[in-house]
C-alpha atoms as a PDB file:
ATOM      1  CA  MET A   1      39.795-147.549   6.478  1.00  0.00           C
ATOM      2  CA  LYS A   2      37.822-148.467   9.602  1.00  0.00           C
ATOM      3  CA  ILE A   3      35.157-145.983  10.650  1.00  0.00           C
ATOM      4  CA  ALA A   4      32.877-145.986  13.674  1.00  0.00           C
ATOM      5  CA  LEU A   5      29.972-143.724  14.566  1.00  0.00           C
ATOM      6  CA  TYR A   6      28.950-143.664  18.210  1.00  0.00           C
ATOM      7  CA  THR A   7      26.579-141.904  20.560  1.00  0.00           C
ATOM      8  CA  ALA A   8      25.346-142.259  24.131  1.00  0.00           C
ATOM      9  CA  ASN A   9      22.022-141.851  25.896  1.00  0.00           C
ATOM     10  CA  PHE A  10      22.276-142.295  29.664  1.00  0.00           C
ATOM     11  CA  GLY A  11      19.255-142.008  31.934  1.00  0.00           C
ATOM     12  CA  ASN A  12      16.857-141.665  28.985  1.00  0.00           C
ATOM     13  CA  TYR A  13      18.144-138.086  28.506  1.00  0.00           C
ATOM     14  CA  GLU A  14      17.295-138.215  24.803  1.00  0.00           C
ATOM     15  CA  ILE A  15      14.548-139.857  22.793  1.00  0.00           C
ATOM     16  CA  GLY A  16      16.334-142.705  21.027  1.00  0.00           C
ATOM     17  CA  ARG A  17      15.953-142.618  17.245  1.00  0.00           C
ATOM     18  CA  PRO A  18      17.156-145.291  14.804  1.00  0.00           C
ATOM     19  CA  ILE A  19      19.596-144.258  12.081  1.00  0.00           C
ATOM     20  CA  ASN A  20      18.833-145.124   8.477  1.00  0.00           C
ATOM     21  CA  ALA A  21      21.294-147.887   7.581  1.00  0.00           C
ATOM     22  CA  GLU A  22      22.013-146.278   4.196  1.00  0.00           C
ATOM     23  CA  PHE A  23      23.300-143.163   5.974  1.00  0.00           C
ATOM     24  CA  ILE A  24      26.049-145.139   7.743  1.00  0.00           C
ATOM     25  CA  LYS A  25      26.804-147.779   5.130  1.00  0.00           C
ATOM     26  CA  GLY A  26      30.247-149.279   5.753  1.00  0.00           C
ATOM     27  CA  ILE A  27      30.420-147.646   9.199  1.00  0.00           C
ATOM     28  CA  ASP A  28      30.183-149.544  12.482  1.00  0.00           C
ATOM     29  CA  TYR A  29      27.564-148.053  14.813  1.00  0.00           C
ATOM     30  CA  TYR A  30      27.784-148.046  18.630  1.00  0.00           C
ATOM     31  CA  TYR A  31      24.965-146.869  20.913  1.00  0.00           C
ATOM     32  CA  TYR A  32      25.813-146.658  24.624  1.00  0.00           C
ATOM     33  CA  THR A  33      23.135-146.538  27.312  1.00  0.00           C
ATOM     34  CA  GLU A  34      25.003-147.265  30.550  1.00  0.00           C
ATOM     35  CA  GLY A  35      27.749-145.465  32.451  1.00  0.00           C
ATOM     36  CA  ASP A  36      28.494-142.647  34.882  1.00  0.00           C
ATOM     37  CA  ASP A  37      28.996-139.716  32.513  1.00  0.00           C
ATOM     38  CA  ALA A  38      28.146-139.848  28.820  1.00  0.00           C
ATOM     39  CA  LYS A  39      30.281-136.786  28.204  1.00  0.00           C
ATOM     40  CA  LEU A  40      33.409-138.698  29.140  1.00  0.00           C
ATOM     41  CA  LEU A  41      32.682-141.113  26.288  1.00  0.00           C
ATOM     42  CA  LYS A  42      32.172-138.117  24.030  1.00  0.00           C
ATOM     43  CA  ILE A  43      35.338-136.349  25.182  1.00  0.00           C
ATOM     44  CA  ASN A  44      37.800-139.245  25.342  1.00  0.00           C
ATOM     45  CA  PRO A  45      36.689-142.424  23.564  1.00  0.00           C
ATOM     46  CA  TYR A  46      40.303-143.616  23.339  1.00  0.00           C
ATOM     47  CA  LYS A  47      40.383-143.953  27.136  1.00  0.00           C
ATOM     48  CA  TYR A  48      36.874-145.118  27.990  1.00  0.00           C
ATOM     49  CA  LEU A  49      35.909-147.177  24.940  1.00  0.00           C
ATOM     50  CA  PRO A  50      38.679-149.676  24.164  1.00  0.00           C
ATOM     51  CA  GLU A  51      36.576-151.276  21.433  1.00  0.00           C
ATOM     52  CA  LEU A  52      36.961-148.040  19.423  1.00  0.00           C
ATOM     53  CA  ARG A  53      40.733-147.642  19.690  1.00  0.00           C
ATOM     54  CA  ASP A  54      41.570-149.484  16.476  1.00  0.00           C
ATOM     55  CA  TYR A  55      39.336-147.369  14.253  1.00  0.00           C
ATOM     56  CA  ASP A  56      40.913-144.883  11.854  1.00  0.00           C
ATOM     57  CA  VAL A  57      38.019-142.441  12.158  1.00  0.00           C
ATOM     58  CA  LEU A  58      35.572-141.893  15.007  1.00  0.00           C
ATOM     59  CA  ILE A  59      32.390-139.881  14.523  1.00  0.00           C
ATOM     60  CA  TRP A  60      30.444-138.728  17.565  1.00  0.00           C
ATOM     61  CA  LEU A  61      26.844-137.517  17.332  1.00  0.00           C
ATOM     62  CA  ASP A  62      24.938-136.096  20.286  1.00  0.00           C
ATOM     63  CA  GLY A  63      21.843-138.177  20.968  1.00  0.00           C
ATOM     64  CA  ASN A  64      19.554-135.381  19.787  1.00  0.00           C
ATOM     65  CA  ILE A  65      21.199-135.086  16.352  1.00  0.00           C
ATOM     66  CA  GLU A  66      19.599-137.257  13.672  1.00  0.00           C
ATOM     67  CA  PRO A  67      21.266-137.842  10.284  1.00  0.00           C
ATOM     68  CA  LEU A  68      19.081-136.979   7.296  1.00  0.00           C
ATOM     69  CA  ALA A  69      21.647-138.093   4.713  1.00  0.00           C
ATOM     70  CA  PRO A  70      24.852-140.175   4.530  1.00  0.00           C
ATOM     71  CA  VAL A  71      27.420-139.033   7.081  1.00  0.00           C
ATOM     72  CA  HIS A  72      30.476-139.939   5.002  1.00  0.00           C
ATOM     73  CA  HIS A  73      30.975-136.319   3.879  1.00  0.00           C
ATOM     74  CA  LEU A  74      32.137-135.512   7.427  1.00  0.00           C
ATOM     75  CA  ILE A  75      35.305-137.587   7.056  1.00  0.00           C
ATOM     76  CA  ASN A  76      38.493-135.609   6.403  1.00  0.00           C
ATOM     77  CA  ASP A  77      42.224-135.757   7.141  1.00  0.00           C
ATOM     78  CA  GLU A  78      42.212-133.409  10.152  1.00  0.00           C
ATOM     79  CA  PRO A  79      42.847-134.705  13.707  1.00  0.00           C
ATOM     80  CA  MET A  80      39.562-133.243  14.944  1.00  0.00           C
ATOM     81  CA  THR A  81      36.546-131.582  13.350  1.00  0.00           C
ATOM     82  CA  VAL A  82      33.718-129.898  15.271  1.00  0.00           C
ATOM     83  CA  LEU A  83      30.856-127.511  14.566  1.00  0.00           C
ATOM     84  CA  ARG A  84      31.531-123.791  14.120  1.00  0.00           C
ATOM     85  CA  HIS A  85      29.193-122.037  16.546  1.00  0.00           C
ATOM     86  CA  LEU A  86      26.446-120.016  14.907  1.00  0.00           C
ATOM     87  CA  CYS A  87      26.923-117.016  17.230  1.00  0.00           C
ATOM     88  CA  THR A  88      30.310-115.467  16.451  1.00  0.00           C
ATOM     89  CA  LYS A  89      29.987-113.172  19.479  1.00  0.00           C
ATOM     90  CA  TYR A  90      30.845-116.288  21.471  1.00  0.00           C
ATOM     91  CA  ASP A  91      34.317-116.275  19.936  1.00  0.00           C
ATOM     92  CA  ASP A  92      34.908-114.239  23.094  1.00  0.00           C
ATOM     93  CA  ILE A  93      35.116-117.108  25.574  1.00  0.00           C
ATOM     94  CA  TYR A  94      34.140-114.866  28.481  1.00  0.00           C
ATOM     95  CA  VAL A  95      30.983-113.727  26.709  1.00  0.00           C
ATOM     96  CA  GLU A  96      30.216-117.380  26.009  1.00  0.00           C
ATOM     97  CA  LEU A  97      30.768-118.449  29.620  1.00  0.00           C
ATOM     98  CA  GLU A  98      28.748-115.548  31.018  1.00  0.00           C
ATOM     99  CA  SER A  99      25.847-116.552  28.763  1.00  0.00           C
ATOM    100  CA  LYS A 100      25.780-119.915  30.562  1.00  0.00           C
ATOM    101  CA  LEU A 101      25.225-118.049  33.835  1.00  0.00           C
ATOM    102  CA  ARG A 102      22.169-116.266  32.458  1.00  0.00           C
ATOM    103  CA  ASN A 103      20.578-119.328  30.853  1.00  0.00           C
ATOM    104  CA  PRO A 104      21.884-122.419  32.652  1.00  0.00           C
ATOM    105  CA  ARG A 105      20.744-125.890  31.674  1.00  0.00           C
ATOM    106  CA  PRO A 106      19.493-128.177  34.443  1.00  0.00           C
ATOM    107  CA  ARG A 107      22.847-129.987  34.672  1.00  0.00           C
ATOM    108  CA  THR A 108      25.000-126.843  34.630  1.00  0.00           C
ATOM    109  CA  ASN A 109      26.976-125.950  37.768  1.00  0.00           C
ATOM    110  CA  VAL A 110      26.695-122.155  37.786  1.00  0.00           C
ATOM    111  CA  GLU A 111      29.046-121.583  40.723  1.00  0.00           C
ATOM    112  CA  ASN A 112      31.787-123.563  39.022  1.00  0.00           C
ATOM    113  CA  ILE A 113      31.337-121.521  35.839  1.00  0.00           C
ATOM    114  CA  ARG A 114      32.017-118.395  37.898  1.00  0.00           C
ATOM    115  CA  LYS A 115      35.185-120.042  39.213  1.00  0.00           C
ATOM    116  CA  GLN A 116      36.148-121.033  35.663  1.00  0.00           C
ATOM    117  CA  ILE A 117      35.824-117.444  34.457  1.00  0.00           C
ATOM    118  CA  SER A 118      37.934-116.164  37.353  1.00  0.00           C
ATOM    119  CA  ARG A 119      40.659-118.760  36.791  1.00  0.00           C
ATOM    120  CA  TYR A 120      40.849-118.103  33.066  1.00  0.00           C
ATOM    121  CA  ARG A 121      41.252-114.397  33.731  1.00  0.00           C
ATOM    122  CA  GLU A 122      43.936-115.072  36.345  1.00  0.00           C
ATOM    123  CA  GLU A 123      45.785-117.336  33.909  1.00  0.00           C
ATOM    124  CA  GLY A 124      45.648-114.658  31.234  1.00  0.00           C
ATOM    125  CA  ILE A 125      43.568-116.658  28.778  1.00  0.00           C
ATOM    126  CA  PRO A 126      42.786-114.199  25.961  1.00  0.00           C
ATOM    127  CA  ALA A 127      39.191-113.286  25.173  1.00  0.00           C
ATOM    128  CA  ARG A 128      39.471-114.989  21.784  1.00  0.00           C
ATOM    129  CA  PRO A 129      41.771-117.978  22.198  1.00  0.00           C
ATOM    130  CA  ASN A 130      40.071-119.631  19.206  1.00  0.00           C
ATOM    131  CA  VAL A 131      36.596-119.676  17.640  1.00  0.00           C
ATOM    132  CA  ALA A 132      33.391-120.683  19.396  1.00  0.00           C
ATOM    133  CA  ILE A 133      32.487-124.284  18.680  1.00  0.00           C
ATOM    134  CA  GLY A 134      29.770-126.853  19.136  1.00  0.00           C
ATOM    135  CA  THR A 135      30.503-130.461  20.035  1.00  0.00           C
ATOM    136  CA  GLY A 136      27.265-132.084  18.888  1.00  0.00           C
ATOM    137  CA  ILE A 137      29.264-133.528  16.002  1.00  0.00           C
ATOM    138  CA  ILE A 138      32.904-134.528  16.416  1.00  0.00           C
ATOM    139  CA  VAL A 139      35.087-136.295  13.844  1.00  0.00           C
ATOM    140  CA  ARG A 140      38.424-137.646  15.069  1.00  0.00           C
ATOM    141  CA  ARG A 141      41.579-139.105  13.572  1.00  0.00           C
ATOM    142  CA  ASP A 142      43.987-140.089  16.360  1.00  0.00           C
ATOM    143  CA  SER A 143      43.478-136.935  18.428  1.00  0.00           C
ATOM    144  CA  ARG A 144      44.510-138.523  21.720  1.00  0.00           C
ATOM    145  CA  ASP A 145      46.542-135.557  22.985  1.00  0.00           C
ATOM    146  CA  ILE A 146      43.614-133.194  22.461  1.00  0.00           C
ATOM    147  CA  CYS A 147      41.177-135.620  24.075  1.00  0.00           C
ATOM    148  CA  ASN A 148      43.384-136.139  27.128  1.00  0.00           C
ATOM    149  CA  ALA A 149      43.808-132.393  27.677  1.00  0.00           C
ATOM    150  CA  TRP A 150      40.098-131.822  27.091  1.00  0.00           C
ATOM    151  CA  GLU A 151      39.146-134.466  29.639  1.00  0.00           C
ATOM    152  CA  ALA A 152      41.525-133.020  32.236  1.00  0.00           C
ATOM    153  CA  GLU A 153      40.027-129.547  31.912  1.00  0.00           C
ATOM    154  CA  TYR A 154      36.442-130.837  31.809  1.00  0.00           C
ATOM    155  CA  LYS A 155      37.008-132.630  35.110  1.00  0.00           C
ATOM    156  CA  ARG A 156      38.843-129.679  36.610  1.00  0.00           C
ATOM    157  CA  VAL A 157      36.102-127.128  35.959  1.00  0.00           C
ATOM    158  CA  ALA A 158      33.249-129.555  36.762  1.00  0.00           C
ATOM    159  CA  THR A 159      30.628-127.289  35.209  1.00  0.00           C
ATOM    160  CA  GLY A 160      28.731-129.923  33.238  1.00  0.00           C
ATOM    161  CA  ARG A 161      29.640-128.065  30.026  1.00  0.00           C
ATOM    162  CA  ASP A 162      32.254-129.325  27.574  1.00  0.00           C
ATOM    163  CA  GLN A 163      32.736-126.790  24.772  1.00  0.00           C
ATOM    164  CA  GLN A 164      34.715-124.214  26.747  1.00  0.00           C
ATOM    165  CA  SER A 165      36.933-126.921  28.228  1.00  0.00           C
ATOM    166  CA  LEU A 166      37.860-127.991  24.699  1.00  0.00           C
ATOM    167  CA  ARG A 167      38.651-124.413  23.716  1.00  0.00           C
ATOM    168  CA  TYR A 168      40.919-124.083  26.752  1.00  0.00           C
ATOM    169  CA  ALA A 169      42.677-127.363  25.979  1.00  0.00           C
ATOM    170  CA  LEU A 170      43.261-126.367  22.361  1.00  0.00           C
ATOM    171  CA  TYR A 171      44.723-123.029  23.429  1.00  0.00           C
ATOM    172  CA  GLN A 172      47.075-124.636  25.924  1.00  0.00           C
ATOM    173  CA  LEU A 173      48.229-127.168  23.321  1.00  0.00           C
ATOM    174  CA  GLY A 174      48.624-124.533  20.611  1.00  0.00           C
ATOM    175  CA  GLU A 175      46.225-126.534  18.440  1.00  0.00           C
ATOM    176  CA  GLN A 176      43.360-125.607  16.148  1.00  0.00           C
ATOM    177  CA  VAL A 177      40.482-127.785  15.012  1.00  0.00           C
ATOM    178  CA  ASN A 178      38.775-128.065  11.681  1.00  0.00           C
ATOM    179  CA  THR A 179      35.187-126.764  11.707  1.00  0.00           C
ATOM    180  CA  ILE A 180      32.037-127.411   9.735  1.00  0.00           C
ATOM    181  CA  PRO A 181      29.186-124.883   9.437  1.00  0.00           C
ATOM    182  CA  TRP A 182      26.481-124.802  12.091  1.00  0.00           C
ATOM    183  CA  SER A 183      24.020-124.905   9.191  1.00  0.00           C
ATOM    184  CA  THR A 184      24.967-128.585   8.866  1.00  0.00           C
ATOM    185  CA  ILE A 185      22.374-129.141  11.601  1.00  0.00           C
ATOM    186  CA  SER A 186      18.892-127.628  11.660  1.00  0.00           C
ATOM    187  CA  LYS A 187      15.689-127.745  13.676  1.00  0.00           C
ATOM    188  CA  LYS A 188      13.740-127.226  10.450  1.00  0.00           C
ATOM    189  CA  GLY A 189      14.926-130.394   8.739  1.00  0.00           C
ATOM    190  CA  ALA A 190      16.431-128.598   5.733  1.00  0.00           C
ATOM    191  CA  SER A 191      19.976-129.772   6.354  1.00  0.00           C
ATOM    192  CA  MET A 192      22.207-132.833   6.676  1.00  0.00           C
ATOM    193  CA  PHE A 193      21.167-133.382  10.300  1.00  0.00           C
ATOM    194  CA  TYR A 194      18.037-132.668  12.313  1.00  0.00           C
ATOM    195  CA  HIS A 195      18.666-131.048  15.699  1.00  0.00           C
ATOM    196  CA  HIS A 196      16.018-132.253  18.147  1.00  0.00           C
ATOM    197  CA  ASN A 197      15.408-130.685  21.541  1.00  0.00           C
ATOM    198  CA  HIS A 198      16.749-132.570  24.531  1.00  0.00           C
ATOM    199  CA  ARG A 199      14.021-134.513  26.286  1.00  0.00           C
ATOM    200  CA  GLU A 200      14.349-132.529  29.536  1.00  0.00           C
ATOM    201  CA  HIS A 201      14.089-129.210  27.696  1.00  0.00           C
ATOM    202  CA  LYS A 202      10.683-129.934  26.186  1.00  0.00           C
ATOM    203  CA  VAL A 203       7.825-127.810  27.500  1.00  0.00           C
END
C-alpha cells in the first residue's frame, strides 16, 4: 500500500516545522511552498497534484498541526476521514456560518459568507445536514467525487473557508465522512498532534 502525507505553506503563512521521520516511517512526505491557493491542494489533490494520484492513501495535515507520534493510526478503509468539531452546536451549519461573521479571520470574505447563508436557506439546506467538522487532518482513499464537489462549492462561495463547503458537498452527494475526535489535536501537547497557532494570528 502506497501512502503519502502532504501539507502546504504558501506565503510563509505557517512556521515550518520538521516532522520526526519515525512518525511517518514508510510514508512519502510532500511539502508544498508555491502556488496560488494552498486550500485547492488540500481540497482536491487528485486534480492539482498529479504526483499523488497513484497513492492508495493520502493524508493531509494543516501546516500548523505537528505530529507527536506515528500517524499510521489515522489510516482506515473509509473514503474520507476528517476531524469531528469540538463544538457540537456547530452541527447547525447556520450557527457555524454566523459565527464566522462575528469572528472572521483575516482571509475570510464576510460578505460572501452572508450570501452563502442566504443561498443555503433558499435551497432548503437543513440546519443539520451532517455534523460539524474540521479539515486540519484529512485522510483519503479515492474520494475523487467528494473532492470535485467540494472544490466546486469552495470556488462558488469564495469565502476563504473550506469546512462548510465540504459539508454542503457531502449533503448534495448523500455522503457521510468518517470522523476522528477533536481531542486528537491539542494546544497543550497531550495528544497525538500539537495544534499551533497560525503565524498571522499570533499577538
